[in-house]
């Protein structure tokens, strides 16, 4: 049986420690849905404190998965996040690894999640 990871390893080997963290995955998925997203929206949508969000943004920016743009909307300072091409690729790889993990569990019938039909 193939693992679908391309290297013969377990699908979890395709998960990125940087991307897989719940809040960073949320930031990337929201940013991928729009051309840009305001930091205040991310904070509210993900229910994070400003400091916690700032730390996650710093990790993603350092990994070059997002770009942070600062400017003004009228007189008010605003900060927007844009996902980079590298970020889109990392998000796609993460989703592919998760899909492969789900596929594998469906195939093996080892899942007890009610929304996943058992393997036949």
PDB file of N, CA and C in Angstrom:
ATOM      1  N   UNK A   1       0.847  -1.168   0.000  1.00  0.00           N
ATOM      2  CA  UNK A   1       0.000   0.000   0.000  1.00  0.00           C
ATOM      3  C   UNK A   1       0.893   1.231   0.000  1.00  0.00           C
ATOM      4  N   UNK A   2       0.603   2.196  -0.850  1.00  0.00           N
ATOM      5  CA  UNK A   2       1.427   3.397  -0.922  1.00  0.00           C
ATOM      6  C   UNK A   2       0.952   4.413   0.090  1.00  0.00           C
ATOM      7  N   UNK A   3       1.869   5.232   0.584  1.00  0.00           N
ATOM      8  CA  UNK A   3       1.520   6.241   1.581  1.00  0.00           C
ATOM      9  C   UNK A   3       1.095   7.543   0.948  1.00  0.00           C
ATOM     10  N   UNK A   4       1.441   7.757  -0.309  1.00  0.00           N
ATOM     11  CA  UNK A   4       1.063   8.983  -0.995  1.00  0.00           C
ATOM     12  C   UNK A   4       1.942  10.162  -0.661  1.00  0.00           C
ATOM     13  N   UNK A   5       2.993   9.956   0.121  1.00  0.00           N
ATOM     14  CA  UNK A   5       3.854  11.076   0.468  1.00  0.00           C
ATOM     15  C   UNK A   5       4.966  11.273  -0.542  1.00  0.00           C
ATOM     16  N   UNK A   6       5.097  10.332  -1.476  1.00  0.00           N
ATOM     17  CA  UNK A   6       6.116  10.470  -2.504  1.00  0.00           C
ATOM     18  C   UNK A   6       7.430   9.854  -2.101  1.00  0.00           C
ATOM     19  N   UNK A   7       7.718   9.764  -0.795  1.00  0.00           N
ATOM     20  CA  UNK A   7       8.983   9.205  -0.360  1.00  0.00           C
ATOM     21  C   UNK A   7       8.790   7.875   0.348  1.00  0.00           C
ATOM     22  N   UNK A   8       7.539   7.376   0.413  1.00  0.00           N
ATOM     23  CA  UNK A   8       7.293   6.107   1.055  1.00  0.00           C
ATOM     24  C   UNK A   8       7.106   6.231   2.553  1.00  0.00           C
ATOM     25  N   UNK A   9       7.191   7.421   3.115  1.00  0.00           N
ATOM     26  CA  UNK A   9       7.022   7.616   4.544  1.00  0.00           C
ATOM     27  C   UNK A   9       5.574   7.790   4.933  1.00  0.00           C
ATOM     28  N   UNK A  10       5.356   7.975   6.205  1.00  0.00           N
ATOM     29  CA  UNK A  10       4.013   8.188   6.746  1.00  0.00           C
ATOM     30  C   UNK A  10       3.513   9.581   6.351  1.00  0.00           C
ATOM     31  N   UNK A  11       2.208   9.739   6.093  1.00  0.00           N
ATOM     32  CA  UNK A  11       1.672  11.045   5.680  1.00  0.00           C
ATOM     33  C   UNK A  11       1.983  12.181   6.654  1.00  0.00           C
ATOM     34  N   UNK A  12       2.140  11.878   7.932  1.00  0.00           N
ATOM     35  CA  UNK A  12       2.442  12.950   8.887  1.00  0.00           C
ATOM     36  C   UNK A  12       3.820  13.559   8.653  1.00  0.00           C
ATOM     37  N   UNK A  13       4.683  12.844   7.916  1.00  0.00           N
ATOM     38  CA  UNK A  13       5.990  13.417   7.582  1.00  0.00           C
ATOM     39  C   UNK A  13       5.854  14.624   6.668  1.00  0.00           C
ATOM     40  N   UNK A  14       4.709  14.745   5.984  1.00  0.00           N
ATOM     41  CA  UNK A  14       4.466  15.879   5.097  1.00  0.00           C
ATOM     42  C   UNK A  14       3.923  17.099   5.804  1.00  0.00           C
ATOM     43  N   UNK A  15       3.627  16.983   7.110  1.00  0.00           N
ATOM     44  CA  UNK A  15       3.118  18.126   7.856  1.00  0.00           C
ATOM     45  C   UNK A  15       4.266  19.044   8.264  1.00  0.00           C
ATOM     46  N   UNK A  16       4.030  20.328   8.165  1.00  0.00           N
ATOM     47  CA  UNK A  16       5.041  21.326   8.525  1.00  0.00           C
ATOM     48  C   UNK A  16       4.793  21.816   9.948  1.00  0.00           C
ATOM     49  N   UNK A  17       5.817  21.799  10.781  1.00  0.00           N
ATOM     50  CA  UNK A  17       5.668  22.319  12.139  1.00  0.00           C
ATOM     51  C   UNK A  17       5.288  23.792  12.124  1.00  0.00           C
ATOM     52  N   UNK A  18       5.764  24.535  11.153  1.00  0.00           N
ATOM     53  CA  UNK A  18       5.447  25.963  11.058  1.00  0.00           C
ATOM     54  C   UNK A  18       3.996  26.172  10.665  1.00  0.00           C
ATOM     55  N   UNK A  19       3.527  25.448   9.674  1.00  0.00           N
ATOM     56  CA  UNK A  19       2.179  25.637   9.145  1.00  0.00           C
ATOM     57  C   UNK A  19       1.132  24.933   9.995  1.00  0.00           C
ATOM     58  N   UNK A  20       1.438  23.767  10.518  1.00  0.00           N
ATOM     59  CA  UNK A  20       0.436  22.924  11.158  1.00  0.00           C
ATOM     60  C   UNK A  20      -0.103  23.487  12.472  1.00  0.00           C
ATOM     61  N   UNK A  21       0.634  24.332  13.133  1.00  0.00           N
ATOM     62  CA  UNK A  21       0.138  24.905  14.386  1.00  0.00           C
ATOM     63  C   UNK A  21      -1.221  25.553  14.107  1.00  0.00           C
ATOM     64  N   UNK A  22      -2.209  25.276  14.935  1.00  0.00           N
ATOM     65  CA  UNK A  22      -3.604  25.641  14.691  1.00  0.00           C
ATOM     66  C   UNK A  22      -3.789  27.100  14.296  1.00  0.00           C
ATOM     67  N   UNK A  23      -3.220  28.029  15.041  1.00  0.00           N
ATOM     68  CA  UNK A  23      -3.423  29.447  14.737  1.00  0.00           C
ATOM     69  C   UNK A  23      -2.722  29.872  13.455  1.00  0.00           C
ATOM     70  N   UNK A  24      -1.541  29.346  13.205  1.00  0.00           N
ATOM     71  CA  UNK A  24      -0.846  29.689  11.961  1.00  0.00           C
ATOM     72  C   UNK A  24      -1.557  29.095  10.753  1.00  0.00           C
ATOM     73  N   UNK A  25      -2.102  27.899  10.907  1.00  0.00           N
ATOM     74  CA  UNK A  25      -2.899  27.306   9.831  1.00  0.00           C
ATOM     75  C   UNK A  25      -4.130  28.177   9.568  1.00  0.00           C
ATOM     76  N   UNK A  26      -4.736  28.682  10.626  1.00  0.00           N
ATOM     77  CA  UNK A  26      -5.875  29.588  10.479  1.00  0.00           C
ATOM     78  C   UNK A  26      -5.500  30.871   9.761  1.00  0.00           C
ATOM     79  N   UNK A  27      -4.374  31.452  10.123  1.00  0.00           N
ATOM     80  CA  UNK A  27      -3.908  32.683   9.480  1.00  0.00           C
ATOM     81  C   UNK A  27      -3.703  32.443   7.984  1.00  0.00           C
ATOM     82  N   UNK A  28      -3.017  31.355   7.646  1.00  0.00           N
ATOM     83  CA  UNK A  28      -2.730  31.074   6.238  1.00  0.00           C
ATOM     84  C   UNK A  28      -3.991  30.784   5.450  1.00  0.00           C
ATOM     85  N   UNK A  29      -4.921  30.030   6.023  1.00  0.00           N
ATOM     86  CA  UNK A  29      -6.136  29.711   5.271  1.00  0.00           C
ATOM     87  C   UNK A  29      -6.996  30.947   5.058  1.00  0.00           C
ATOM     88  N   UNK A  30      -7.094  31.798   6.068  1.00  0.00           N
ATOM     89  CA  UNK A  30      -7.859  33.038   5.905  1.00  0.00           C
ATOM     90  C   UNK A  30      -7.178  33.942   4.883  1.00  0.00           C
ATOM     91  N   UNK A  31      -5.858  34.072   4.969  1.00  0.00           N
ATOM     92  CA  UNK A  31      -5.128  34.920   4.024  1.00  0.00           C
ATOM     93  C   UNK A  31      -5.235  34.393   2.604  1.00  0.00           C
ATOM     94  N   UNK A  32      -5.331  33.077   2.444  1.00  0.00           N
ATOM     95  CA  UNK A  32      -5.444  32.490   1.105  1.00  0.00           C
ATOM     96  C   UNK A  32      -6.812  32.749   0.483  1.00  0.00           C
ATOM     97  N   UNK A  33      -7.799  33.070   1.309  1.00  0.00           N
ATOM     98  CA  UNK A  33      -9.157  33.302   0.816  1.00  0.00           C
ATOM     99  C   UNK A  33      -9.362  34.717   0.278  1.00  0.00           C
ATOM    100  N   UNK A  34      -8.432  35.610   0.562  1.00  0.00           N
ATOM    101  CA  UNK A  34      -8.593  37.012   0.162  1.00  0.00           C
ATOM    102  C   UNK A  34      -7.263  37.548  -0.353  1.00  0.00           C
ATOM    103  N   UNK A  35      -7.340  38.644  -1.069  1.00  0.00           N
ATOM    104  CA  UNK A  35      -6.113  39.282  -1.554  1.00  0.00           C
ATOM    105  C   UNK A  35      -5.257  39.755  -0.386  1.00  0.00           C
ATOM    106  N   UNK A  36      -5.915  40.313   0.620  1.00  0.00           N
ATOM    107  CA  UNK A  36      -5.238  40.725   1.842  1.00  0.00           C
ATOM    108  C   UNK A  36      -6.248  40.679   2.976  1.00  0.00           C
ATOM    109  N   UNK A  37      -5.753  40.550   4.190  1.00  0.00           N
ATOM    110  CA  UNK A  37      -6.639  40.489   5.359  1.00  0.00           C
ATOM    111  C   UNK A  37      -6.072  41.393   6.446  1.00  0.00           C
ATOM    112  N   UNK A  38      -6.948  42.118   7.088  1.00  0.00           N
ATOM    113  CA  UNK A  38      -6.535  43.036   8.146  1.00  0.00           C
ATOM    114  C   UNK A  38      -6.242  42.255   9.426  1.00  0.00           C
ATOM    115  N   UNK A  39      -5.220  42.670  10.138  1.00  0.00           N
ATOM    116  CA  UNK A  39      -4.802  42.004  11.364  1.00  0.00           C
ATOM    117  C   UNK A  39      -5.945  41.948  12.382  1.00  0.00           C
ATOM    118  N   UNK A  40      -6.712  43.020  12.505  1.00  0.00           N
ATOM    119  CA  UNK A  40      -7.823  43.042  13.466  1.00  0.00           C
ATOM    120  C   UNK A  40      -8.837  41.945  13.140  1.00  0.00           C
ATOM    121  N   UNK A  41      -9.076  41.695  11.868  1.00  0.00           N
ATOM    122  CA  UNK A  41      -9.988  40.629  11.470  1.00  0.00           C
ATOM    123  C   UNK A  41      -9.434  39.274  11.902  1.00  0.00           C
ATOM    124  N   UNK A  42      -8.149  39.038  11.662  1.00  0.00           N
ATOM    125  CA  UNK A  42      -7.532  37.779  12.077  1.00  0.00           C
ATOM    126  C   UNK A  42      -7.641  37.589  13.585  1.00  0.00           C
ATOM    127  N   UNK A  43      -7.347  38.625  14.329  1.00  0.00           N
ATOM    128  CA  UNK A  43      -7.404  38.562  15.787  1.00  0.00           C
ATOM    129  C   UNK A  43      -8.800  38.139  16.245  1.00  0.00           C
ATOM    130  N   UNK A  44      -9.821  38.765  15.675  1.00  0.00           N
ATOM    131  CA  UNK A  44     -11.195  38.453  16.063  1.00  0.00           C
ATOM    132  C   UNK A  44     -11.622  37.067  15.584  1.00  0.00           C
ATOM    133  N   UNK A  45     -11.332  36.747  14.335  1.00  0.00           N
ATOM    134  CA  UNK A  45     -11.761  35.469  13.754  1.00  0.00           C
ATOM    135  C   UNK A  45     -11.121  34.281  14.469  1.00  0.00           C
ATOM    136  N   UNK A  46      -9.865  34.434  14.858  1.00  0.00           N
ATOM    137  CA  UNK A  46      -9.137  33.335  15.496  1.00  0.00           C
ATOM    138  C   UNK A  46      -9.161  33.409  17.018  1.00  0.00           C
ATOM    139  N   UNK A  47      -9.813  34.468  17.534  1.00  0.00           N
ATOM    140  CA  UNK A  47      -9.946  34.670  18.982  1.00  0.00           C
ATOM    141  C   UNK A  47      -8.589  34.654  19.688  1.00  0.00           C
ATOM    142  N   UNK A  48      -7.682  35.482  19.177  1.00  0.00           N
ATOM    143  CA  UNK A  48      -6.337  35.588  19.731  1.00  0.00           C
ATOM    144  C   UNK A  48      -6.141  36.944  20.381  1.00  0.00           C
ATOM    145  N   UNK A  49      -5.230  37.006  21.322  1.00  0.00           N
ATOM    146  CA  UNK A  49      -4.821  38.302  21.852  1.00  0.00           C
ATOM    147  C   UNK A  49      -3.907  38.950  20.817  1.00  0.00           C
ATOM    148  N   UNK A  50      -3.746  40.250  20.921  1.00  0.00           N
ATOM    149  CA  UNK A  50      -2.862  40.963  19.986  1.00  0.00           C
ATOM    150  C   UNK A  50      -1.436  40.421  20.068  1.00  0.00           C
ATOM    151  N   UNK A  51      -0.961  40.165  21.271  1.00  0.00           N
ATOM    152  CA  UNK A  51       0.399  39.658  21.448  1.00  0.00           C
ATOM    153  C   UNK A  51       0.587  38.267  20.866  1.00  0.00           C
ATOM    154  N   UNK A  52      -0.392  37.389  21.088  1.00  0.00           N
ATOM    155  CA  UNK A  52      -0.305  36.034  20.564  1.00  0.00           C
ATOM    156  C   UNK A  52      -0.329  36.052  19.039  1.00  0.00           C
ATOM    157  N   UNK A  53      -1.238  36.840  18.469  1.00  0.00           N
ATOM    158  CA  UNK A  53      -1.297  36.957  17.013  1.00  0.00           C
ATOM    159  C   UNK A  53       0.006  37.503  16.455  1.00  0.00           C
ATOM    160  N   UNK A  54       0.548  38.505  17.108  1.00  0.00           N
ATOM    161  CA  UNK A  54       1.800  39.110  16.660  1.00  0.00           C
ATOM    162  C   UNK A  54       2.922  38.075  16.597  1.00  0.00           C
ATOM    163  N   UNK A  55       2.988  37.201  17.569  1.00  0.00           N
ATOM    164  CA  UNK A  55       4.030  36.177  17.589  1.00  0.00           C
ATOM    165  C   UNK A  55       3.859  35.191  16.429  1.00  0.00           C
ATOM    166  N   UNK A  56       2.615  34.777  16.182  1.00  0.00           N
ATOM    167  CA  UNK A  56       2.366  33.855  15.065  1.00  0.00           C
ATOM    168  C   UNK A  56       2.686  34.515  13.726  1.00  0.00           C
ATOM    169  N   UNK A  57       2.332  35.787  13.587  1.00  0.00           N
ATOM    170  CA  UNK A  57       2.639  36.512  12.349  1.00  0.00           C
ATOM    171  C   UNK A  57       4.142  36.615  12.142  1.00  0.00           C
ATOM    172  N   UNK A  58       4.870  36.841  13.224  1.00  0.00           N
ATOM    173  CA  UNK A  58       6.333  36.941  13.124  1.00  0.00           C
ATOM    174  C   UNK A  58       6.932  35.622  12.635  1.00  0.00           C
ATOM    175  N   UNK A  59       6.435  34.496  13.144  1.00  0.00           N
ATOM    176  CA  UNK A  59       6.933  33.182  12.713  1.00  0.00           C
ATOM    177  C   UNK A  59       6.663  32.981  11.227  1.00  0.00           C
ATOM    178  N   UNK A  60       5.442  33.307  10.796  1.00  0.00           N
ATOM    179  CA  UNK A  60       5.087  33.123   9.384  1.00  0.00           C
ATOM    180  C   UNK A  60       5.855  34.074   8.474  1.00  0.00           C
ATOM    181  N   UNK A  61       6.063  35.308   8.939  1.00  0.00           N
ATOM    182  CA  UNK A  61       6.820  36.267   8.135  1.00  0.00           C
ATOM    183  C   UNK A  61       8.282  35.837   8.026  1.00  0.00           C
ATOM    184  N   UNK A  62       8.851  35.365   9.103  1.00  0.00           N
ATOM    185  CA  UNK A  62      10.242  34.912   9.093  1.00  0.00           C
ATOM    186  C   UNK A  62      10.423  33.732   8.137  1.00  0.00           C
ATOM    187  N   UNK A  63       9.394  32.878   8.056  1.00  0.00           N
ATOM    188  CA  UNK A  63       9.439  31.734   7.144  1.00  0.00           C
ATOM    189  C   UNK A  63       9.074  32.141   5.711  1.00  0.00           C
ATOM    190  N   UNK A  64       8.791  33.426   5.501  1.00  0.00           N
ATOM    191  CA  UNK A  64       8.427  33.990   4.197  1.00  0.00           C
ATOM    192  C   UNK A  64       7.133  33.392   3.635  1.00  0.00           C
ATOM    193  N   UNK A  65       6.209  33.042   4.549  1.00  0.00           N
ATOM    194  CA  UNK A  65       4.924  32.500   4.130  1.00  0.00           C
ATOM    195  C   UNK A  65       3.862  33.593   4.021  1.00  0.00           C
ATOM    196  N   UNK A  66       4.107  34.716   4.677  1.00  0.00           N
ATOM    197  CA  UNK A  66       3.219  35.876   4.574  1.00  0.00           C
ATOM    198  C   UNK A  66       4.063  37.128   4.411  1.00  0.00           C
ATOM    199  N   UNK A  67       3.400  38.183   3.946  1.00  0.00           N
ATOM    200  CA  UNK A  67       4.007  39.516   3.894  1.00  0.00           C
ATOM    201  C   UNK A  67       3.119  40.421   4.726  1.00  0.00           C
ATOM    202  N   UNK A  68       3.731  41.249   5.542  1.00  0.00           N
ATOM    203  CA  UNK A  68       2.990  42.191   6.378  1.00  0.00           C
ATOM    204  C   UNK A  68       3.127  43.573   5.771  1.00  0.00           C
ATOM    205  N   UNK A  69       1.987  44.191   5.486  1.00  0.00           N
ATOM    206  CA  UNK A  69       1.957  45.537   4.911  1.00  0.00           C
ATOM    207  C   UNK A  69       1.349  46.490   5.929  1.00  0.00           C
ATOM    208  N   UNK A  70       2.058  47.564   6.222  1.00  0.00           N
ATOM    209  CA  UNK A  70       1.560  48.569   7.155  1.00  0.00           C
ATOM    210  C   UNK A  70       1.240  49.844   6.384  1.00  0.00           C
ATOM    211  N   UNK A  71       0.166  50.472   6.760  1.00  0.00           N
ATOM    212  CA  UNK A  71      -0.230  51.699   6.085  1.00  0.00           C
ATOM    213  C   UNK A  71      -1.341  52.381   6.862  1.00  0.00           C
ATOM    214  N   UNK A  72      -2.103  53.155   6.150  1.00  0.00           N
ATOM    215  CA  UNK A  72      -3.190  53.899   6.776  1.00  0.00           C
ATOM    216  C   UNK A  72      -4.455  53.718   5.975  1.00  0.00           C
ATOM    217  N   UNK A  73      -5.559  53.725   6.675  1.00  0.00           N
ATOM    218  CA  UNK A  73      -6.886  53.791   6.073  1.00  0.00           C
ATOM    219  C   UNK A  73      -7.474  55.080   6.610  1.00  0.00           C
ATOM    220  N   UNK A  74      -7.436  56.100   5.780  1.00  0.00           N
ATOM    221  CA  UNK A  74      -7.741  57.439   6.291  1.00  0.00           C
ATOM    222  C   UNK A  74      -6.598  57.859   7.196  1.00  0.00           C
ATOM    223  N   UNK A  75      -6.908  58.231   8.401  1.00  0.00           N
ATOM    224  CA  UNK A  75      -5.868  58.618   9.365  1.00  0.00           C
ATOM    225  C   UNK A  75      -5.471  57.484  10.292  1.00  0.00           C
ATOM    226  N   UNK A  76      -6.180  56.392  10.194  1.00  0.00           N
ATOM    227  CA  UNK A  76      -5.949  55.282  11.132  1.00  0.00           C
ATOM    228  C   UNK A  76      -4.877  54.335  10.602  1.00  0.00           C
ATOM    229  N   UNK A  77      -3.898  54.009  11.435  1.00  0.00           N
ATOM    230  CA  UNK A  77      -2.892  53.022  11.025  1.00  0.00           C
ATOM    231  C   UNK A  77      -3.540  51.639  10.920  1.00  0.00           C
ATOM    232  N   UNK A  78      -3.191  50.926   9.887  1.00  0.00           N
ATOM    233  CA  UNK A  78      -3.719  49.577   9.655  1.00  0.00           C
ATOM    234  C   UNK A  78      -2.579  48.657   9.249  1.00  0.00           C
ATOM    235  N   UNK A  79      -2.759  47.384   9.544  1.00  0.00           N
ATOM    236  CA  UNK A  79      -1.792  46.368   9.150  1.00  0.00           C
ATOM    237  C   UNK A  79      -2.556  45.265   8.426  1.00  0.00           C
ATOM    238  N   UNK A  80      -2.051  44.899   7.252  1.00  0.00           N
ATOM    239  CA  UNK A  80      -2.663  43.858   6.439  1.00  0.00           C
ATOM    240  C   UNK A  80      -1.673  42.725   6.230  1.00  0.00           C
ATOM    241  N   UNK A  81      -2.209  41.560   6.030  1.00  0.00           N
ATOM    242  CA  UNK A  81      -1.411  40.365   5.786  1.00  0.00           C
ATOM    243  C   UNK A  81      -1.741  39.852   4.387  1.00  0.00           C
ATOM    244  N   UNK A  82      -0.707  39.458   3.662  1.00  0.00           N
ATOM    245  CA  UNK A  82      -0.873  38.812   2.353  1.00  0.00           C
ATOM    246  C   UNK A  82      -0.092  37.502   2.392  1.00  0.00           C
ATOM    247  N   UNK A  83      -0.702  36.459   1.867  1.00  0.00           N
ATOM    248  CA  UNK A  83       0.005  35.186   1.761  1.00  0.00           C
ATOM    249  C   UNK A  83       0.934  35.271   0.546  1.00  0.00           C
ATOM    250  N   UNK A  84       2.128  34.761   0.678  1.00  0.00           N
ATOM    251  CA  UNK A  84       3.091  34.767  -0.423  1.00  0.00           C
ATOM    252  C   UNK A  84       2.896  33.515  -1.279  1.00  0.00           C
ATOM    253  N   UNK A  85       3.558  33.474  -2.416  1.00  0.00           N
ATOM    254  CA  UNK A  85       3.513  32.271  -3.253  1.00  0.00           C
ATOM    255  C   UNK A  85       4.075  31.081  -2.482  1.00  0.00           C
ATOM    256  N   UNK A  86       5.132  31.323  -1.729  1.00  0.00           N
ATOM    257  CA  UNK A  86       5.713  30.264  -0.898  1.00  0.00           C
ATOM    258  C   UNK A  86       4.707  29.821   0.166  1.00  0.00           C
ATOM    259  N   UNK A  87       3.952  30.768   0.707  1.00  0.00           N
ATOM    260  CA  UNK A  87       2.915  30.445   1.683  1.00  0.00           C
ATOM    261  C   UNK A  87       1.797  29.621   1.071  1.00  0.00           C
ATOM    262  N   UNK A  88       1.395  29.976  -0.151  1.00  0.00           N
ATOM    263  CA  UNK A  88       0.358  29.202  -0.847  1.00  0.00           C
ATOM    264  C   UNK A  88       0.826  27.773  -1.074  1.00  0.00           C
ATOM    265  N   UNK A  89       2.085  27.618  -1.463  1.00  0.00           N
ATOM    266  CA  UNK A  89       2.636  26.282  -1.703  1.00  0.00           C
ATOM    267  C   UNK A  89       2.709  25.481  -0.394  1.00  0.00           C
ATOM    268  N   UNK A  90       3.113  26.131   0.680  1.00  0.00           N
ATOM    269  CA  UNK A  90       3.200  25.452   1.978  1.00  0.00           C
ATOM    270  C   UNK A  90       1.815  25.051   2.472  1.00  0.00           C
ATOM    271  N   UNK A  91       0.832  25.909   2.279  1.00  0.00           N
ATOM    272  CA  UNK A  91      -0.542  25.601   2.677  1.00  0.00           C
ATOM    273  C   UNK A  91      -1.078  24.435   1.849  1.00  0.00           C
ATOM    274  N   UNK A  92      -0.831  24.446   0.554  1.00  0.00           N
ATOM    275  CA  UNK A  92      -1.276  23.345  -0.309  1.00  0.00           C
ATOM    276  C   UNK A  92      -0.630  22.025   0.108  1.00  0.00           C
ATOM    277  N   UNK A  93       0.655  22.055   0.426  1.00  0.00           N
ATOM    278  CA  UNK A  93       1.348  20.841   0.867  1.00  0.00           C
ATOM    279  C   UNK A  93       0.766  20.329   2.177  1.00  0.00           C
ATOM    280  N   UNK A  94       0.439  21.237   3.070  1.00  0.00           N
ATOM    281  CA  UNK A  94      -0.156  20.861   4.359  1.00  0.00           C
ATOM    282  C   UNK A  94      -1.518  20.203   4.153  1.00  0.00           C
ATOM    283  N   UNK A  95      -2.336  20.809   3.310  1.00  0.00           N
ATOM    284  CA  UNK A  95      -3.665  20.268   3.028  1.00  0.00           C
ATOM    285  C   UNK A  95      -3.545  18.907   2.343  1.00  0.00           C
ATOM    286  N   UNK A  96      -2.604  18.778   1.420  1.00  0.00           N
ATOM    287  CA  UNK A  96      -2.395  17.482   0.750  1.00  0.00           C
ATOM    288  C   UNK A  96      -1.987  16.403   1.746  1.00  0.00           C
ATOM    289  N   UNK A  97      -1.107  16.745   2.687  1.00  0.00           N
ATOM    290  CA  UNK A  97      -0.679  15.770   3.700  1.00  0.00           C
ATOM    291  C   UNK A  97      -1.852  15.375   4.593  1.00  0.00           C
ATOM    292  N   UNK A  98      -2.686  16.335   4.963  1.00  0.00           N
ATOM    293  CA  UNK A  98      -3.858  16.036   5.784  1.00  0.00           C
ATOM    294  C   UNK A  98      -4.857  15.170   5.012  1.00  0.00           C
ATOM    295  N   UNK A  99      -5.056  15.491   3.736  1.00  0.00           N
ATOM    296  CA  UNK A  99      -5.964  14.678   2.913  1.00  0.00           C
ATOM    297  C   UNK A  99      -5.449  13.247   2.790  1.00  0.00           C
ATOM    298  N   UNK A 100      -4.146  13.087   2.622  1.00  0.00           N
ATOM    299  CA  UNK A 100      -3.561  11.751   2.517  1.00  0.00           C
ATOM    300  C   UNK A 100      -3.727  10.995   3.836  1.00  0.00           C
ATOM    301  N   UNK A 101      -3.564  11.677   4.945  1.00  0.00           N
ATOM    302  CA  UNK A 101      -3.748  11.049   6.248  1.00  0.00           C
ATOM    303  C   UNK A 101      -5.199  10.582   6.414  1.00  0.00           C
ATOM    304  N   UNK A 102      -6.148  11.427   6.023  1.00  0.00           N
ATOM    305  CA  UNK A 102      -7.563  11.036   6.076  1.00  0.00           C
ATOM    306  C   UNK A 102      -7.857   9.867   5.136  1.00  0.00           C
ATOM    307  N   UNK A 103      -7.317   9.947   3.924  1.00  0.00           N
ATOM    308  CA  UNK A 103      -7.527   8.869   2.957  1.00  0.00           C
ATOM    309  C   UNK A 103      -7.010   7.554   3.516  1.00  0.00           C
ATOM    310  N   UNK A 104      -5.841   7.603   4.091  1.00  0.00           N
ATOM    311  CA  UNK A 104      -5.224   6.393   4.641  1.00  0.00           C
ATOM    312  C   UNK A 104      -6.081   5.806   5.757  1.00  0.00           C
ATOM    313  N   UNK A 105      -6.598   6.653   6.611  1.00  0.00           N
ATOM    314  CA  UNK A 105      -7.427   6.166   7.706  1.00  0.00           C
ATOM    315  C   UNK A 105      -8.764   5.623   7.209  1.00  0.00           C
ATOM    316  N   UNK A 106      -9.321   6.241   6.195  1.00  0.00           N
ATOM    317  CA  UNK A 106     -10.557   5.704   5.608  1.00  0.00           C
ATOM    318  C   UNK A 106     -10.292   4.329   5.009  1.00  0.00           C
ATOM    319  N   UNK A 107      -9.180   4.236   4.287  1.00  0.00           N
ATOM    320  CA  UNK A 107      -8.812   2.987   3.623  1.00  0.00           C
ATOM    321  C   UNK A 107      -8.585   1.859   4.629  1.00  0.00           C
ATOM    322  N   UNK A 108      -7.958   2.188   5.733  1.00  0.00           N
ATOM    323  CA  UNK A 108      -7.645   1.178   6.751  1.00  0.00           C
ATOM    324  C   UNK A 108      -8.814   0.929   7.696  1.00  0.00           C
ATOM    325  N   UNK A 109      -9.804   1.859   7.688  1.00  0.00           N
ATOM    326  CA  UNK A 109     -10.937   1.714   8.585  1.00  0.00           C
ATOM    327  C   UNK A 109     -10.566   1.901  10.040  1.00  0.00           C
ATOM    328  N   UNK A 110      -9.510   2.680  10.301  1.00  0.00           N
ATOM    329  CA  UNK A 110      -9.035   2.850  11.672  1.00  0.00           C
ATOM    330  C   UNK A 110      -9.580   4.098  12.339  1.00  0.00           C
ATOM    331  N   UNK A 111     -10.464   4.797  11.679  1.00  0.00           N
ATOM    332  CA  UNK A 111     -10.982   6.019  12.267  1.00  0.00           C
ATOM    333  C   UNK A 111     -12.319   5.754  12.945  1.00  0.00           C
ATOM    334  N   UNK A 112     -12.587   6.492  13.984  1.00  0.00           N
ATOM    335  CA  UNK A 112     -13.874   6.382  14.665  1.00  0.00           C
ATOM    336  C   UNK A 112     -14.663   7.673  14.517  1.00  0.00           C
ATOM    337  N   UNK A 113     -14.196   8.570  13.657  1.00  0.00           N
ATOM    338  CA  UNK A 113     -14.909   9.824  13.461  1.00  0.00           C
ATOM    339  C   UNK A 113     -16.221   9.536  12.752  1.00  0.00           C
ATOM    340  N   UNK A 114     -17.351  10.016  13.307  1.00  0.00           N
ATOM    341  CA  UNK A 114     -18.658   9.677  12.751  1.00  0.00           C
ATOM    342  C   UNK A 114     -18.891  10.179  11.328  1.00  0.00           C
ATOM    343  N   UNK A 115     -18.238  11.240  10.913  1.00  0.00           N
ATOM    344  CA  UNK A 115     -18.468  11.772   9.566  1.00  0.00           C
ATOM    345  C   UNK A 115     -17.624  11.085   8.503  1.00  0.00           C
ATOM    346  N   UNK A 116     -16.781  10.143   8.906  1.00  0.00           N
ATOM    347  CA  UNK A 116     -15.967   9.411   7.949  1.00  0.00           C
ATOM    348  C   UNK A 116     -16.498   7.981   7.842  1.00  0.00           C
ATOM    349  N   UNK A 117     -16.966   7.577   6.676  1.00  0.00           N
ATOM    350  CA  UNK A 117     -17.486   6.211   6.551  1.00  0.00           C
ATOM    351  C   UNK A 117     -16.370   5.183   6.709  1.00  0.00           C
ATOM    352  N   UNK A 118     -16.656   4.065   7.351  1.00  0.00           N
ATOM    353  CA  UNK A 118     -15.617   3.034   7.498  1.00  0.00           C
ATOM    354  C   UNK A 118     -15.257   2.441   6.152  1.00  0.00           C
ATOM    355  N   UNK A 119     -14.044   1.952   6.050  1.00  0.00           N
ATOM    356  CA  UNK A 119     -13.584   1.290   4.827  1.00  0.00           C
ATOM    357  C   UNK A 119     -14.349  -0.010   4.654  1.00  0.00           C
ATOM    358  N   UNK A 120     -14.603  -0.375   3.419  1.00  0.00           N
ATOM    359  CA  UNK A 120     -15.331  -1.623   3.140  1.00  0.00           C
ATOM    360  C   UNK A 120     -14.390  -2.697   2.683  1.00  0.00           C
TER     361      UNK A 120
END
